[in-house]
Amino acid sequence: MFRNDSYGSAVKYFGDGMGPSREFYFRKIHEGHDGLHRYTTRQITYGCNEITKWWWAAHHWVQEARFFRIRTSPATLVDYEPREFQKLMQGQRAHFKRAHQLAYEGPYYNPAWGEHNLTVTSETKPNFGVGYVHKNAWSHKSERFGEYSYSWVDKHPIRVIRQSLTL
C-alpha cells in the first residue's frame, strides 16, 4: 500500500505546511506511539493555510487536529484554532495556539551524524491562560539516518521519528 520515498521527502511534500494545497503521509514514532499519520494543507490565501492532522486507528482515519497557520514574517508562523481564526478574520482579538520561530535551517556537521540538514525552531504556546510554555525543537534529516525530530518542553526531551511515505 505504501512505499518508502526518497530522502528529504518530508520537506519536499509538506515543509512548514504553507503554500500550495497538498497532503503527505508518514510513520511517526514517539513516546510509545507508533502509527501512520497524514497531514493535509489547504491554501486559503497567500501566507495562510488550513492544516488538518490525521492518524490511522481502528482501520479508519481519525482527525487529530485542525488549525489555521499564518506566516507573519519569513521566519515566523502562528497557528490558530478555527474559532480563534474566525475572530481574527472579523478583526477581533484572537488567542493563538502556537507560534513557531525559525532559528536555523541549513547544512550541519557533527562526528556522529556527518553532514546532514538541520532545522532548529523555537515554539511558544499559551499555558492555560497563565504565561507561556517554550519548546525548542531540532529536526535532523540525512540519507543515512532518515528524519529525526527532538523537542524539549520544560527540559523534558521528546524524540519523534518520521519515515515519509507515499501511495
N, C-alpha and C. Protein backbone atom coordinates (compact mmCIF):
# COMPACT_ATOMS: atom_id res chain seq x y z
N MET A 1 0.82 -1.20 0.00
CA MET A 1 0.00 0.00 0.00
C MET A 1 0.87 1.26 0.00
N PHE A 2 1.91 1.28 0.83
CA PHE A 2 2.79 2.44 0.90
C PHE A 2 4.21 2.00 0.58
N ARG A 3 5.00 2.93 0.12
CA ARG A 3 6.41 2.63 -0.13
C ARG A 3 7.25 3.74 0.47
N ASN A 4 8.48 3.44 0.80
CA ASN A 4 9.40 4.46 1.29
C ASN A 4 9.66 5.45 0.17
N ASP A 5 9.74 6.70 0.50
CA ASP A 5 10.00 7.72 -0.50
C ASP A 5 11.45 8.17 -0.40
N SER A 6 11.84 9.04 -1.29
CA SER A 6 13.22 9.49 -1.36
C SER A 6 13.60 10.37 -0.17
N TYR A 7 14.90 10.52 0.01
CA TYR A 7 15.46 11.36 1.07
C TYR A 7 14.90 12.78 0.99
N GLY A 8 14.56 13.33 2.13
CA GLY A 8 14.09 14.71 2.18
C GLY A 8 12.63 14.88 1.80
N SER A 9 11.88 13.79 1.69
CA SER A 9 10.51 13.91 1.19
C SER A 9 9.58 14.65 2.15
N ALA A 10 9.87 14.60 3.44
CA ALA A 10 9.02 15.33 4.38
C ALA A 10 9.02 16.82 4.04
N VAL A 11 10.19 17.34 3.77
CA VAL A 11 10.29 18.75 3.37
C VAL A 11 9.71 18.94 1.97
N LYS A 12 9.99 18.00 1.07
CA LYS A 12 9.51 18.10 -0.30
C LYS A 12 7.98 18.13 -0.37
N TYR A 13 7.33 17.28 0.43
CA TYR A 13 5.88 17.18 0.34
C TYR A 13 5.12 18.10 1.28
N PHE A 14 5.66 18.38 2.46
CA PHE A 14 4.90 19.18 3.41
C PHE A 14 5.61 20.46 3.83
N GLY A 15 6.90 20.38 4.08
CA GLY A 15 7.64 21.56 4.52
C GLY A 15 7.06 22.12 5.79
N ASP A 16 6.79 23.42 5.82
CA ASP A 16 6.22 24.03 7.02
C ASP A 16 4.70 24.12 6.93
N GLY A 17 4.10 23.49 5.93
CA GLY A 17 2.65 23.49 5.81
C GLY A 17 2.09 24.71 5.10
N MET A 18 2.94 25.54 4.55
CA MET A 18 2.49 26.74 3.86
C MET A 18 2.59 26.53 2.35
N GLY A 19 1.88 27.37 1.59
CA GLY A 19 1.97 27.29 0.14
C GLY A 19 0.86 26.47 -0.47
N PRO A 20 1.10 25.87 -1.64
CA PRO A 20 0.04 25.16 -2.37
C PRO A 20 -0.57 24.02 -1.55
N SER A 21 -1.84 23.73 -1.81
CA SER A 21 -2.54 22.65 -1.12
C SER A 21 -1.90 21.31 -1.46
N ARG A 22 -1.73 20.46 -0.45
CA ARG A 22 -1.15 19.14 -0.66
C ARG A 22 -1.35 18.28 0.59
N GLU A 23 -0.98 17.00 0.48
CA GLU A 23 -1.00 16.12 1.65
C GLU A 23 0.23 15.25 1.65
N PHE A 24 0.58 14.75 2.84
CA PHE A 24 1.71 13.85 2.91
C PHE A 24 1.49 12.86 4.04
N TYR A 25 2.01 11.64 3.83
CA TYR A 25 1.85 10.54 4.76
C TYR A 25 3.19 10.20 5.38
N PHE A 26 3.18 9.81 6.65
CA PHE A 26 4.41 9.37 7.26
C PHE A 26 4.11 8.47 8.46
N ARG A 27 5.10 7.67 8.81
CA ARG A 27 5.03 6.86 10.02
C ARG A 27 5.69 7.68 11.11
N LYS A 28 5.02 7.82 12.25
CA LYS A 28 5.51 8.66 13.34
C LYS A 28 5.64 7.82 14.60
N ILE A 29 6.82 7.86 15.19
CA ILE A 29 7.09 7.11 16.41
C ILE A 29 7.49 8.09 17.49
N HIS A 30 6.76 8.11 18.61
CA HIS A 30 7.14 8.94 19.75
C HIS A 30 6.42 8.49 21.00
N GLU A 31 7.09 8.57 22.12
CA GLU A 31 6.54 8.28 23.45
C GLU A 31 5.61 7.06 23.45
N GLY A 32 6.09 5.94 22.93
CA GLY A 32 5.29 4.73 22.93
C GLY A 32 4.21 4.65 21.86
N HIS A 33 4.13 5.66 21.01
CA HIS A 33 3.14 5.67 19.94
C HIS A 33 3.84 5.41 18.61
N ASP A 34 3.30 4.52 17.82
CA ASP A 34 3.87 4.18 16.53
C ASP A 34 2.72 4.03 15.56
N GLY A 35 2.58 4.97 14.62
CA GLY A 35 1.44 4.86 13.73
C GLY A 35 1.56 5.67 12.46
N LEU A 36 0.64 5.39 11.55
CA LEU A 36 0.56 6.07 10.28
C LEU A 36 -0.19 7.39 10.46
N HIS A 37 0.37 8.48 9.92
CA HIS A 37 -0.23 9.80 10.02
C HIS A 37 -0.38 10.41 8.63
N ARG A 38 -1.28 11.37 8.52
CA ARG A 38 -1.49 12.10 7.28
C ARG A 38 -1.70 13.57 7.62
N TYR A 39 -0.96 14.44 6.97
CA TYR A 39 -1.15 15.88 7.10
C TYR A 39 -1.71 16.39 5.78
N THR A 40 -2.75 17.18 5.85
CA THR A 40 -3.26 17.85 4.65
C THR A 40 -3.18 19.36 4.89
N THR A 41 -2.82 20.08 3.87
CA THR A 41 -2.77 21.53 3.98
C THR A 41 -3.52 22.12 2.78
N ARG A 42 -4.37 23.09 3.06
CA ARG A 42 -5.17 23.75 2.03
C ARG A 42 -4.88 25.24 2.10
N GLN A 43 -4.41 25.79 0.99
CA GLN A 43 -4.09 27.21 0.98
C GLN A 43 -5.37 28.03 0.95
N ILE A 44 -5.50 28.94 1.91
CA ILE A 44 -6.66 29.84 1.98
C ILE A 44 -6.36 31.10 1.17
N THR A 45 -5.27 31.74 1.49
CA THR A 45 -4.75 32.90 0.75
C THR A 45 -3.23 32.83 0.85
N TYR A 46 -2.55 33.74 0.19
CA TYR A 46 -1.10 33.78 0.31
C TYR A 46 -0.75 34.02 1.78
N GLY A 47 0.10 33.17 2.35
CA GLY A 47 0.51 33.33 3.74
C GLY A 47 -0.47 32.78 4.75
N CYS A 48 -1.48 32.02 4.31
CA CYS A 48 -2.47 31.45 5.23
C CYS A 48 -2.93 30.08 4.73
N ASN A 49 -2.73 29.05 5.53
CA ASN A 49 -3.14 27.69 5.18
C ASN A 49 -3.96 27.06 6.31
N GLU A 50 -4.90 26.20 5.91
CA GLU A 50 -5.63 25.37 6.87
C GLU A 50 -4.92 24.02 6.89
N ILE A 51 -4.58 23.54 8.09
CA ILE A 51 -3.86 22.27 8.24
C ILE A 51 -4.70 21.31 9.06
N THR A 52 -4.82 20.08 8.56
CA THR A 52 -5.53 19.03 9.28
C THR A 52 -4.58 17.86 9.46
N LYS A 53 -4.50 17.34 10.70
CA LYS A 53 -3.65 16.21 11.02
C LYS A 53 -4.55 15.01 11.30
N TRP A 54 -4.23 13.86 10.70
CA TRP A 54 -4.99 12.64 10.86
C TRP A 54 -4.07 11.52 11.32
N TRP A 55 -4.62 10.52 12.00
CA TRP A 55 -3.87 9.30 12.30
C TRP A 55 -4.75 8.10 12.05
N TRP A 56 -4.11 6.99 11.64
CA TRP A 56 -4.81 5.78 11.25
C TRP A 56 -5.04 4.93 12.50
N ALA A 57 -6.31 4.72 12.86
CA ALA A 57 -6.65 3.94 14.06
C ALA A 57 -7.91 3.15 13.78
N ALA A 58 -7.93 1.90 14.21
CA ALA A 58 -9.10 1.03 14.07
C ALA A 58 -9.60 0.99 12.63
N HIS A 59 -8.68 0.93 11.69
CA HIS A 59 -8.97 0.79 10.25
C HIS A 59 -9.69 1.98 9.62
N HIS A 60 -9.51 3.18 10.18
CA HIS A 60 -10.03 4.38 9.53
C HIS A 60 -9.23 5.60 10.02
N TRP A 61 -9.34 6.70 9.27
CA TRP A 61 -8.64 7.94 9.62
C TRP A 61 -9.40 8.68 10.71
N VAL A 62 -8.68 9.10 11.74
CA VAL A 62 -9.24 9.86 12.86
C VAL A 62 -8.58 11.23 12.84
N GLN A 63 -9.40 12.29 12.87
CA GLN A 63 -8.83 13.64 12.87
C GLN A 63 -8.20 13.93 14.22
N GLU A 64 -6.93 14.28 14.19
CA GLU A 64 -6.19 14.56 15.41
C GLU A 64 -6.21 16.06 15.74
N ALA A 65 -6.13 16.89 14.71
CA ALA A 65 -6.11 18.34 14.93
C ALA A 65 -6.48 19.06 13.63
N ARG A 66 -6.99 20.27 13.79
CA ARG A 66 -7.27 21.15 12.66
C ARG A 66 -7.00 22.58 13.12
N PHE A 67 -6.21 23.32 12.35
CA PHE A 67 -5.89 24.68 12.73
C PHE A 67 -5.52 25.49 11.50
N PHE A 68 -5.41 26.78 11.67
CA PHE A 68 -5.03 27.70 10.60
C PHE A 68 -3.67 28.27 10.92
N ARG A 69 -2.78 28.24 9.92
CA ARG A 69 -1.41 28.72 10.08
C ARG A 69 -1.20 29.96 9.23
N ILE A 70 -0.66 31.00 9.85
CA ILE A 70 -0.41 32.27 9.17
C ILE A 70 1.08 32.59 9.25
N ARG A 71 1.66 32.95 8.12
CA ARG A 71 3.06 33.39 8.10
C ARG A 71 3.06 34.89 8.41
N THR A 72 3.62 35.25 9.57
CA THR A 72 3.64 36.65 9.96
C THR A 72 4.95 37.33 9.58
N SER A 73 5.98 36.53 9.30
CA SER A 73 7.26 37.04 8.80
C SER A 73 7.94 35.87 8.11
N PRO A 74 9.05 36.10 7.41
CA PRO A 74 9.71 34.97 6.74
C PRO A 74 10.11 33.84 7.70
N ALA A 75 10.36 34.16 8.97
CA ALA A 75 10.81 33.15 9.92
C ALA A 75 9.79 32.80 11.00
N THR A 76 8.57 33.35 10.92
CA THR A 76 7.58 33.13 11.98
C THR A 76 6.25 32.64 11.43
N LEU A 77 5.73 31.56 12.04
CA LEU A 77 4.42 31.00 11.72
C LEU A 77 3.58 31.01 12.99
N VAL A 78 2.30 31.39 12.87
CA VAL A 78 1.41 31.42 14.03
C VAL A 78 0.18 30.58 13.72
N ASP A 79 -0.16 29.65 14.65
CA ASP A 79 -1.30 28.75 14.50
C ASP A 79 -2.47 29.22 15.34
N TYR A 80 -3.69 29.12 14.78
CA TYR A 80 -4.93 29.49 15.47
C TYR A 80 -5.94 28.35 15.36
N GLU A 81 -6.65 28.06 16.44
CA GLU A 81 -7.78 27.13 16.39
C GLU A 81 -8.86 27.76 15.50
N PRO A 82 -9.76 26.96 14.88
CA PRO A 82 -10.77 27.52 13.97
C PRO A 82 -11.60 28.66 14.56
N ARG A 83 -12.05 28.54 15.79
CA ARG A 83 -12.87 29.60 16.41
C ARG A 83 -12.08 30.89 16.57
N GLU A 84 -10.82 30.77 17.00
CA GLU A 84 -9.97 31.96 17.17
C GLU A 84 -9.62 32.58 15.82
N PHE A 85 -9.44 31.73 14.80
CA PHE A 85 -9.16 32.23 13.45
C PHE A 85 -10.34 33.06 12.93
N GLN A 86 -11.58 32.62 13.19
CA GLN A 86 -12.76 33.39 12.79
C GLN A 86 -12.76 34.76 13.46
N LYS A 87 -12.42 34.80 14.74
CA LYS A 87 -12.34 36.09 15.45
C LYS A 87 -11.30 36.99 14.78
N LEU A 88 -10.15 36.41 14.47
CA LEU A 88 -9.07 37.17 13.84
C LEU A 88 -9.53 37.76 12.51
N MET A 89 -10.24 36.97 11.71
CA MET A 89 -10.72 37.43 10.41
C MET A 89 -11.80 38.50 10.54
N GLN A 90 -12.48 38.56 11.67
CA GLN A 90 -13.51 39.58 11.92
C GLN A 90 -12.92 40.82 12.61
N GLY A 91 -11.59 40.83 12.77
CA GLY A 91 -10.93 41.98 13.36
C GLY A 91 -11.00 42.01 14.88
N GLN A 92 -11.40 40.89 15.49
CA GLN A 92 -11.47 40.81 16.94
C GLN A 92 -10.16 40.30 17.51
N ARG A 93 -10.02 40.44 18.82
CA ARG A 93 -8.83 39.92 19.48
C ARG A 93 -8.90 38.40 19.48
N ALA A 94 -7.82 37.75 19.04
CA ALA A 94 -7.77 36.29 18.95
C ALA A 94 -6.54 35.78 19.67
N HIS A 95 -6.68 34.63 20.31
CA HIS A 95 -5.58 34.00 21.03
C HIS A 95 -4.96 32.91 20.15
N PHE A 96 -3.67 32.95 20.00
CA PHE A 96 -3.01 31.97 19.15
C PHE A 96 -2.81 30.65 19.89
N LYS A 97 -2.70 29.58 19.11
CA LYS A 97 -2.46 28.24 19.66
C LYS A 97 -0.96 28.01 19.85
N ARG A 98 -0.18 28.35 18.82
CA ARG A 98 1.27 28.20 18.86
C ARG A 98 1.92 29.22 17.94
N ALA A 99 3.12 29.63 18.29
CA ALA A 99 3.93 30.47 17.41
C ALA A 99 5.26 29.75 17.21
N HIS A 100 5.69 29.64 15.96
CA HIS A 100 6.94 28.95 15.62
C HIS A 100 7.92 29.98 15.06
N GLN A 101 9.11 30.01 15.61
CA GLN A 101 10.15 30.93 15.15
C GLN A 101 11.33 30.11 14.65
N LEU A 102 11.69 30.27 13.38
CA LEU A 102 12.83 29.55 12.81
C LEU A 102 14.12 30.18 13.31
N ALA A 103 14.98 29.38 13.93
CA ALA A 103 16.26 29.87 14.43
C ALA A 103 17.40 29.56 13.46
N TYR A 104 17.36 28.35 12.85
CA TYR A 104 18.41 27.98 11.90
C TYR A 104 17.87 26.90 10.96
N GLU A 105 18.25 27.00 9.69
CA GLU A 105 17.91 25.96 8.73
C GLU A 105 19.04 25.87 7.72
N GLY A 106 19.64 24.68 7.61
CA GLY A 106 20.72 24.54 6.64
C GLY A 106 21.62 23.37 6.95
N PRO A 107 22.77 23.32 6.29
CA PRO A 107 23.70 22.20 6.49
C PRO A 107 24.34 22.26 7.87
N TYR A 108 24.69 21.08 8.38
CA TYR A 108 25.30 21.00 9.69
C TYR A 108 26.17 19.75 9.73
N TYR A 109 27.24 19.79 10.49
CA TYR A 109 28.12 18.63 10.60
C TYR A 109 28.41 18.34 12.06
N ASN A 110 28.34 17.05 12.43
CA ASN A 110 28.91 16.61 13.69
C ASN A 110 29.45 15.19 13.50
N PRO A 111 30.37 14.73 14.34
CA PRO A 111 31.01 13.43 14.11
C PRO A 111 30.04 12.25 14.07
N ALA A 112 28.99 12.27 14.87
CA ALA A 112 28.05 11.14 14.92
C ALA A 112 27.18 11.06 13.67
N TRP A 113 26.73 12.22 13.16
CA TRP A 113 25.81 12.25 12.02
C TRP A 113 26.50 12.49 10.70
N GLY A 114 27.70 13.08 10.74
CA GLY A 114 28.33 13.51 9.50
C GLY A 114 27.60 14.74 8.98
N GLU A 115 27.64 14.96 7.68
CA GLU A 115 26.96 16.10 7.06
C GLU A 115 25.48 15.78 6.94
N HIS A 116 24.62 16.68 7.40
CA HIS A 116 23.17 16.48 7.29
C HIS A 116 22.47 17.83 7.34
N ASN A 117 21.16 17.82 7.11
CA ASN A 117 20.37 19.04 7.19
C ASN A 117 19.82 19.19 8.59
N LEU A 118 19.84 20.39 9.10
CA LEU A 118 19.37 20.67 10.45
C LEU A 118 18.41 21.85 10.42
N THR A 119 17.29 21.70 11.12
CA THR A 119 16.35 22.81 11.31
C THR A 119 16.14 22.97 12.81
N VAL A 120 16.31 24.18 13.31
CA VAL A 120 16.10 24.48 14.73
C VAL A 120 15.00 25.51 14.84
N THR A 121 13.98 25.20 15.65
CA THR A 121 12.87 26.14 15.85
C THR A 121 12.62 26.34 17.34
N SER A 122 12.00 27.46 17.64
CA SER A 122 11.56 27.76 18.99
C SER A 122 10.06 27.92 18.93
N GLU A 123 9.33 27.28 19.82
CA GLU A 123 7.87 27.31 19.81
C GLU A 123 7.36 27.91 21.12
N THR A 124 6.35 28.75 21.01
CA THR A 124 5.71 29.35 22.17
C THR A 124 4.23 29.02 22.13
N LYS A 125 3.67 28.58 23.26
CA LYS A 125 2.22 28.35 23.31
C LYS A 125 1.69 28.79 24.66
N PRO A 126 0.45 29.32 24.69
CA PRO A 126 -0.14 29.74 25.96
C PRO A 126 -0.27 28.55 26.92
N ASN A 127 -0.08 28.82 28.20
CA ASN A 127 -0.14 27.78 29.22
C ASN A 127 -1.41 27.95 30.06
N PHE A 128 -2.54 27.54 29.48
CA PHE A 128 -3.84 27.61 30.16
C PHE A 128 -4.13 29.00 30.72
N GLY A 129 -3.78 30.03 29.96
CA GLY A 129 -4.07 31.41 30.36
C GLY A 129 -3.10 31.98 31.37
N VAL A 130 -2.09 31.21 31.80
CA VAL A 130 -1.12 31.70 32.77
C VAL A 130 0.27 31.59 32.17
N GLY A 131 0.73 32.63 31.53
CA GLY A 131 2.06 32.61 30.93
C GLY A 131 2.13 31.75 29.68
N TYR A 132 3.35 31.36 29.34
CA TYR A 132 3.61 30.61 28.11
C TYR A 132 4.57 29.46 28.38
N VAL A 133 4.45 28.43 27.56
CA VAL A 133 5.39 27.32 27.58
C VAL A 133 6.28 27.48 26.36
N HIS A 134 7.59 27.32 26.55
CA HIS A 134 8.53 27.44 25.45
C HIS A 134 9.14 26.08 25.15
N LYS A 135 9.23 25.76 23.87
CA LYS A 135 9.76 24.47 23.44
C LYS A 135 10.78 24.73 22.35
N ASN A 136 11.90 24.06 22.43
CA ASN A 136 12.90 24.11 21.37
C ASN A 136 12.88 22.78 20.64
N ALA A 137 13.03 22.80 19.34
CA ALA A 137 12.99 21.57 18.55
C ALA A 137 14.13 21.55 17.55
N TRP A 138 14.70 20.36 17.37
CA TRP A 138 15.75 20.13 16.41
C TRP A 138 15.28 19.04 15.47
N SER A 139 15.36 19.27 14.18
CA SER A 139 14.98 18.26 13.20
C SER A 139 16.19 17.95 12.34
N HIS A 140 16.62 16.68 12.36
CA HIS A 140 17.77 16.23 11.58
C HIS A 140 17.27 15.41 10.40
N LYS A 141 17.83 15.65 9.23
CA LYS A 141 17.48 14.85 8.05
C LYS A 141 18.76 14.45 7.35
N SER A 142 18.90 13.14 7.11
CA SER A 142 20.06 12.66 6.36
C SER A 142 19.70 11.37 5.65
N GLU A 143 20.43 11.07 4.58
CA GLU A 143 20.20 9.81 3.86
C GLU A 143 20.48 8.62 4.76
N ARG A 144 21.49 8.72 5.59
CA ARG A 144 21.90 7.60 6.43
C ARG A 144 20.91 7.32 7.56
N PHE A 145 20.38 8.37 8.20
CA PHE A 145 19.55 8.19 9.38
C PHE A 145 18.07 8.49 9.17
N GLY A 146 17.69 9.02 8.02
CA GLY A 146 16.29 9.40 7.81
C GLY A 146 15.99 10.73 8.46
N GLU A 147 14.80 10.87 9.01
CA GLU A 147 14.40 12.13 9.63
C GLU A 147 14.07 11.90 11.10
N TYR A 148 14.74 12.64 11.96
CA TYR A 148 14.51 12.57 13.39
C TYR A 148 14.20 13.97 13.90
N SER A 149 13.27 14.08 14.83
CA SER A 149 12.99 15.36 15.45
C SER A 149 13.13 15.20 16.96
N TYR A 150 13.74 16.17 17.59
CA TYR A 150 13.87 16.19 19.03
C TYR A 150 13.25 17.49 19.54
N SER A 151 12.48 17.40 20.61
CA SER A 151 11.90 18.59 21.21
C SER A 151 12.16 18.57 22.71
N TRP A 152 12.30 19.73 23.28
CA TRP A 152 12.45 19.86 24.72
C TRP A 152 11.33 20.76 25.23
N VAL A 153 10.47 20.23 26.09
CA VAL A 153 9.42 21.00 26.73
C VAL A 153 9.73 21.01 28.21
N ASP A 154 9.93 22.19 28.76
CA ASP A 154 10.29 22.32 30.17
C ASP A 154 11.42 21.36 30.55
N LYS A 155 12.42 21.28 29.70
CA LYS A 155 13.64 20.49 29.90
C LYS A 155 13.42 18.98 29.85
N HIS A 156 12.25 18.52 29.38
CA HIS A 156 11.99 17.10 29.20
C HIS A 156 12.08 16.77 27.71
N PRO A 157 13.00 15.88 27.31
CA PRO A 157 13.13 15.60 25.87
C PRO A 157 12.02 14.71 25.34
N ILE A 158 11.60 14.99 24.11
CA ILE A 158 10.64 14.17 23.37
C ILE A 158 11.30 13.87 22.03
N ARG A 159 11.39 12.61 21.67
CA ARG A 159 12.00 12.24 20.39
C ARG A 159 10.92 11.73 19.45
N VAL A 160 10.90 12.26 18.24
CA VAL A 160 9.94 11.85 17.23
C VAL A 160 10.73 11.37 16.01
N ILE A 161 10.38 10.21 15.49
CA ILE A 161 10.99 9.69 14.27
C ILE A 161 9.92 9.68 13.19
N ARG A 162 10.23 10.26 12.02
CA ARG A 162 9.28 10.28 10.91
C ARG A 162 9.88 9.55 9.72
N GLN A 163 9.11 8.66 9.16
CA GLN A 163 9.51 7.98 7.93
C GLN A 163 8.47 8.35 6.88
N SER A 164 8.88 9.13 5.89
CA SER A 164 7.94 9.62 4.90
C SER A 164 7.47 8.51 3.97
N LEU A 165 6.22 8.56 3.59
CA LEU A 165 5.60 7.54 2.75
C LEU A 165 4.77 8.19 1.67
N THR A 166 4.59 7.51 0.55
CA THR A 166 3.66 7.97 -0.49
C THR A 166 2.88 6.79 -0.99
N LEU A 167 1.74 7.07 -1.62
CA LEU A 167 0.92 5.99 -2.19
C LEU A 167 1.62 5.38 -3.38
